[in-house]
Amino acid sequence: MTHLIFSDYRNPAAEQAYEIAWDYLARAGTIRDEFKACVFLAQRVAVMVDQGQTNRIRMANRAITEYQRYIDESDDP
């Protein structure tokens, strides 16, 4: 499985948060479309950096939760 690399010069923890979230979701088998997942996670982490978040674990957990919610909602008819 390949994915885009994400980096944010404003916060080094952002790249780590993205990787943690990606690894967790990939291992859990939650990722359906790799490109959409990459974009979704990168956008969410970037928003958190904009909001001043610096904790990589908090950012990763929030991105994971938001992605899982997004997938659950997209399953609804």
C-alpha atoms as a PDB file:
ATOM      1  CA  MET A   1       0.000   0.000   0.000  1.00  0.00           C
ATOM      2  CA  THR A   2       1.453   3.348  -0.973  1.00  0.00           C
ATOM      3  CA  HIS A   3       0.363   6.777   0.091  1.00  0.00           C
ATOM      4  CA  LEU A   4       1.241  10.415  -0.322  1.00  0.00           C
ATOM      5  CA  ILE A   5       3.791  11.942   1.978  1.00  0.00           C
ATOM      6  CA  PHE A   6       2.530  14.838   4.053  1.00  0.00           C
ATOM      7  CA  SER A   7       4.689  17.516   5.613  1.00  0.00           C
ATOM      8  CA  ASP A   8       3.920  20.852   7.214  1.00  0.00           C
ATOM      9  CA  TYR A   9       6.848  23.182   7.766  1.00  0.00           C
ATOM     10  CA  ARG A  10       4.956  24.982  10.553  1.00  0.00           C
ATOM     11  CA  ASN A  11       4.793  21.949  12.815  1.00  0.00           C
ATOM     12  CA  PRO A  12       7.041  18.869  12.608  1.00  0.00           C
ATOM     13  CA  ALA A  13       4.530  16.882  14.678  1.00  0.00           C
ATOM     14  CA  ALA A  14       2.001  17.201  11.837  1.00  0.00           C
ATOM     15  CA  GLU A  15       3.900  14.776   9.621  1.00  0.00           C
ATOM     16  CA  GLN A  16       4.166  12.303  12.505  1.00  0.00           C
ATOM     17  CA  ALA A  17       0.440  12.653  13.262  1.00  0.00           C
ATOM     18  CA  TYR A  18      -0.411  11.973   9.623  1.00  0.00           C
ATOM     19  CA  GLU A  19       1.805   8.863   9.561  1.00  0.00           C
ATOM     20  CA  ILE A  20       0.372   7.553  12.843  1.00  0.00           C
ATOM     21  CA  ALA A  21      -3.184   8.017  11.573  1.00  0.00           C
ATOM     22  CA  TRP A  22      -2.382   6.435   8.199  1.00  0.00           C
ATOM     23  CA  ASP A  23      -0.661   3.431   9.774  1.00  0.00           C
ATOM     24  CA  TYR A  24      -3.521   2.830  12.183  1.00  0.00           C
ATOM     25  CA  LEU A  25      -6.210   3.074   9.511  1.00  0.00           C
ATOM     26  CA  ALA A  26      -4.239   0.882   7.094  1.00  0.00           C
ATOM     27  CA  ARG A  27      -3.713  -1.819   9.711  1.00  0.00           C
ATOM     28  CA  ALA A  28      -7.377  -1.656  10.685  1.00  0.00           C
ATOM     29  CA  GLY A  29      -8.378  -2.110   7.040  1.00  0.00           C
ATOM     30  CA  THR A  30     -10.446   1.069   7.089  1.00  0.00           C
ATOM     31  CA  ILE A  31      -8.899   2.706   4.024  1.00  0.00           C
ATOM     32  CA  ARG A  32     -10.998   2.157   0.905  1.00  0.00           C
ATOM     33  CA  ASP A  33      -9.580   4.717  -1.495  1.00  0.00           C
ATOM     34  CA  GLU A  34      -5.948   5.551  -0.778  1.00  0.00           C
ATOM     35  CA  PHE A  35      -5.920   8.910  -2.534  1.00  0.00           C
ATOM     36  CA  LYS A  36      -9.090  10.123  -0.811  1.00  0.00           C
ATOM     37  CA  ALA A  37      -7.767   8.921   2.547  1.00  0.00           C
ATOM     38  CA  CYS A  38      -4.454  10.739   2.011  1.00  0.00           C
ATOM     39  CA  VAL A  39      -6.195  13.972   1.111  1.00  0.00           C
ATOM     40  CA  PHE A  40      -8.677  13.657   3.985  1.00  0.00           C
ATOM     41  CA  LEU A  41      -5.975  13.053   6.603  1.00  0.00           C
ATOM     42  CA  ALA A  42      -3.686  15.776   5.237  1.00  0.00           C
ATOM     43  CA  GLN A  43      -6.519  18.311   5.270  1.00  0.00           C
ATOM     44  CA  ARG A  44      -7.570  17.410   8.807  1.00  0.00           C
ATOM     45  CA  VAL A  45      -4.037  17.576  10.170  1.00  0.00           C
ATOM     46  CA  ALA A  46      -3.422  20.907   8.388  1.00  0.00           C
ATOM     47  CA  VAL A  47      -6.581  22.348   9.949  1.00  0.00           C
ATOM     48  CA  MET A  48      -5.395  21.246  13.386  1.00  0.00           C
ATOM     49  CA  VAL A  49      -2.022  22.914  12.790  1.00  0.00           C
ATOM     50  CA  ASP A  50      -3.904  26.072  11.795  1.00  0.00           C
ATOM     51  CA  GLN A  51      -5.767  25.834  15.109  1.00  0.00           C
ATOM     52  CA  GLY A  52      -2.464  25.675  17.010  1.00  0.00           C
ATOM     53  CA  GLN A  53      -2.365  21.969  17.837  1.00  0.00           C
ATOM     54  CA  THR A  54       1.130  20.652  18.546  1.00  0.00           C
ATOM     55  CA  ASN A  55       0.500  17.228  20.095  1.00  0.00           C
ATOM     56  CA  ARG A  56       1.031  14.545  17.450  1.00  0.00           C
ATOM     57  CA  ILE A  57      -0.970  11.876  19.291  1.00  0.00           C
ATOM     58  CA  ARG A  58      -3.947  14.177  19.789  1.00  0.00           C
ATOM     59  CA  MET A  59      -3.856  15.196  16.119  1.00  0.00           C
ATOM     60  CA  ALA A  60      -3.560  11.573  14.973  1.00  0.00           C
ATOM     61  CA  ASN A  61      -6.419  10.403  17.185  1.00  0.00           C
ATOM     62  CA  ARG A  62      -8.669  13.211  16.025  1.00  0.00           C
ATOM     63  CA  ALA A  63      -7.851  12.567  12.358  1.00  0.00           C
ATOM     64  CA  ILE A  64      -8.571   8.844  12.835  1.00  0.00           C
ATOM     65  CA  THR A  65     -11.892   9.544  14.517  1.00  0.00           C
ATOM     66  CA  GLU A  66     -12.940  12.029  11.845  1.00  0.00           C
ATOM     67  CA  TYR A  67     -11.988   9.643   9.041  1.00  0.00           C
ATOM     68  CA  GLN A  68     -13.905   6.777  10.635  1.00  0.00           C
ATOM     69  CA  ARG A  69     -16.944   9.037  11.047  1.00  0.00           C
ATOM     70  CA  TYR A  70     -16.620  10.128   7.413  1.00  0.00           C
ATOM     71  CA  ILE A  71     -16.551   6.490   6.261  1.00  0.00           C
ATOM     72  CA  ASP A  72     -19.510   5.546   8.475  1.00  0.00           C
ATOM     73  CA  GLU A  73     -21.570   8.468   7.171  1.00  0.00           C
ATOM     74  CA  SER A  74     -20.723   7.689   3.555  1.00  0.00           C
ATOM     75  CA  ASP A  75     -22.136   4.168   4.083  1.00  0.00           C
ATOM     76  CA  ASP A  76     -25.552   5.550   4.964  1.00  0.00           C
ATOM     77  CA  PRO A  77     -28.047   5.510   2.072  1.00  0.00           C
END
